[in-house]
Amino acid sequence: MDIVSKLRKLCSERGWTEYRLAKESHIAQSTISNLIHRGNSPTILTIEKICQAFGITVSEFFDDGSDILINDNTKRLVKIYDQLNDTQKESLLIYAGNLLARKGGENH
């Protein structure tokens, strides 16, 4: 789904007008109008403000539902990962990489 379609869908789901989106996101109405009617490409900052207004993450904004399905264990792992500090995250990634390397070595 393209950005314009996604914006229209999210506004429609909430019953929002372009004006309401502009107010909620603290973005000029002309900018919102240009995105929707002219197909102008938004900046990352604009996308972030729009997502905050809608109460969603940037990832959720771009998720079209056609990607891989995430099972409960994967969701649990992501929640745990999000609670870690940067050092812990790096340690976990190294550990996971080592597990994969060991698994690969066992299969050869």
Protein backbone atom coordinates (compact mmCIF):
# COMPACT_ATOMS: atom_id res chain seq x y z
CA MET A 1 0.00 0.00 0.00
CA ASP A 2 1.39 3.40 -0.92
CA ILE A 3 1.69 6.29 1.55
CA VAL A 4 -1.32 8.20 0.22
CA SER A 5 -3.57 5.14 0.43
CA LYS A 6 -2.32 4.43 3.94
CA LEU A 7 -3.00 8.02 5.06
CA ARG A 8 -6.50 7.92 3.59
CA LYS A 9 -7.19 4.54 5.21
CA LEU A 10 -5.98 5.64 8.65
CA CYS A 11 -7.96 8.89 8.48
CA SER A 12 -11.06 7.04 7.32
CA GLU A 13 -10.78 4.47 10.12
CA ARG A 14 -10.71 7.31 12.66
CA GLY A 15 -13.18 9.59 10.92
CA TRP A 16 -10.47 12.24 10.57
CA THR A 17 -10.31 14.97 7.96
CA GLU A 18 -7.05 16.29 6.55
CA TYR A 19 -7.50 19.25 8.86
CA ARG A 20 -7.77 16.98 11.90
CA LEU A 21 -4.65 15.06 10.85
CA ALA A 22 -2.78 18.33 10.45
CA LYS A 23 -3.84 19.49 13.93
CA GLU A 24 -3.11 16.17 15.64
CA SER A 25 0.30 15.77 13.97
CA HIS A 26 1.32 19.45 14.27
CA ILE A 27 2.02 19.54 10.54
CA ALA A 28 0.85 22.33 8.27
CA GLN A 29 -2.41 21.50 6.54
CA SER A 30 -0.80 22.44 3.21
CA THR A 31 1.83 19.74 3.80
CA ILE A 32 -0.83 17.12 4.52
CA SER A 33 -2.78 18.25 1.46
CA ASN A 34 0.31 18.04 -0.74
CA LEU A 35 0.99 14.52 0.50
CA ILE A 36 -2.52 13.33 -0.18
CA HIS A 37 -3.44 15.22 -3.36
CA ARG A 38 -0.10 15.73 -5.08
CA GLY A 39 1.65 12.61 -3.88
CA ASN A 40 4.58 14.56 -2.47
CA SER A 41 7.06 12.35 -0.62
CA PRO A 42 7.07 12.97 3.12
CA THR A 43 10.24 13.33 5.17
CA ILE A 44 11.00 10.83 7.90
CA LEU A 45 10.16 13.51 10.48
CA THR A 46 6.76 14.04 8.84
CA ILE A 47 6.06 10.29 8.87
CA GLU A 48 7.07 10.13 12.55
CA LYS A 49 4.73 13.01 13.46
CA ILE A 50 1.88 11.42 11.53
CA CYS A 51 2.47 8.09 13.25
CA GLN A 52 2.50 9.76 16.66
CA ALA A 53 -0.80 11.45 15.83
CA PHE A 54 -2.34 8.12 14.84
CA GLY A 55 -0.81 6.40 17.88
CA ILE A 56 1.13 3.87 15.80
CA THR A 57 4.78 3.13 15.15
CA VAL A 58 6.52 3.84 11.85
CA SER A 59 6.82 0.09 11.41
CA GLU A 60 3.06 -0.30 11.82
CA PHE A 61 2.51 2.50 9.30
CA PHE A 62 4.47 0.65 6.63
CA ASP A 63 3.19 -2.82 7.55
CA ASP A 64 0.87 -3.98 4.83
CA GLY A 65 0.10 -7.27 6.51
CA SER A 66 1.65 -9.33 3.73
CA ASP A 67 4.98 -9.96 5.43
CA ILE A 68 5.81 -12.94 7.57
CA LEU A 69 3.48 -13.89 10.36
CA ILE A 70 4.98 -13.45 13.79
CA ASN A 71 4.21 -16.20 16.28
CA ASP A 72 3.80 -15.74 20.03
CA ASN A 73 7.40 -16.71 20.83
CA THR A 74 8.73 -14.16 18.35
CA LYS A 75 6.51 -11.47 19.84
CA ARG A 76 7.73 -12.40 23.31
CA LEU A 77 11.35 -12.21 22.18
CA VAL A 78 10.80 -8.78 20.61
CA LYS A 79 9.16 -7.48 23.81
CA ILE A 80 12.08 -8.73 25.88
CA TYR A 81 14.58 -7.24 23.42
CA ASP A 82 12.86 -3.85 23.56
CA GLN A 83 13.33 -3.75 27.34
CA LEU A 84 17.09 -4.30 27.18
CA ASN A 85 19.70 -1.54 27.21
CA ASP A 86 22.06 -1.17 24.22
CA THR A 87 24.82 -3.31 25.77
CA GLN A 88 22.36 -6.09 26.59
CA LYS A 89 20.90 -5.95 23.09
CA GLU A 90 24.35 -6.31 21.54
CA SER A 91 25.14 -9.25 23.85
CA LEU A 92 21.89 -10.95 22.89
CA LEU A 93 22.61 -10.49 19.18
CA ILE A 94 26.11 -11.94 19.60
CA TYR A 95 24.70 -14.86 21.57
CA ALA A 96 22.02 -15.53 18.93
CA GLY A 97 24.65 -15.34 16.19
CA ASN A 98 26.79 -17.86 18.07
CA LEU A 99 23.80 -20.19 18.44
CA LEU A 100 23.25 -20.07 14.68
CA ALA A 101 26.93 -20.65 13.97
CA ARG A 102 26.98 -23.65 16.31
CA LYS A 103 23.79 -25.03 14.76
CA GLY A 104 25.33 -24.70 11.31
CA GLY A 105 28.50 -26.44 12.48
CA GLU A 106 26.53 -29.36 13.94
CA ASN A 107 24.74 -29.96 10.65
CA HIS A 108 27.93 -30.24 8.59
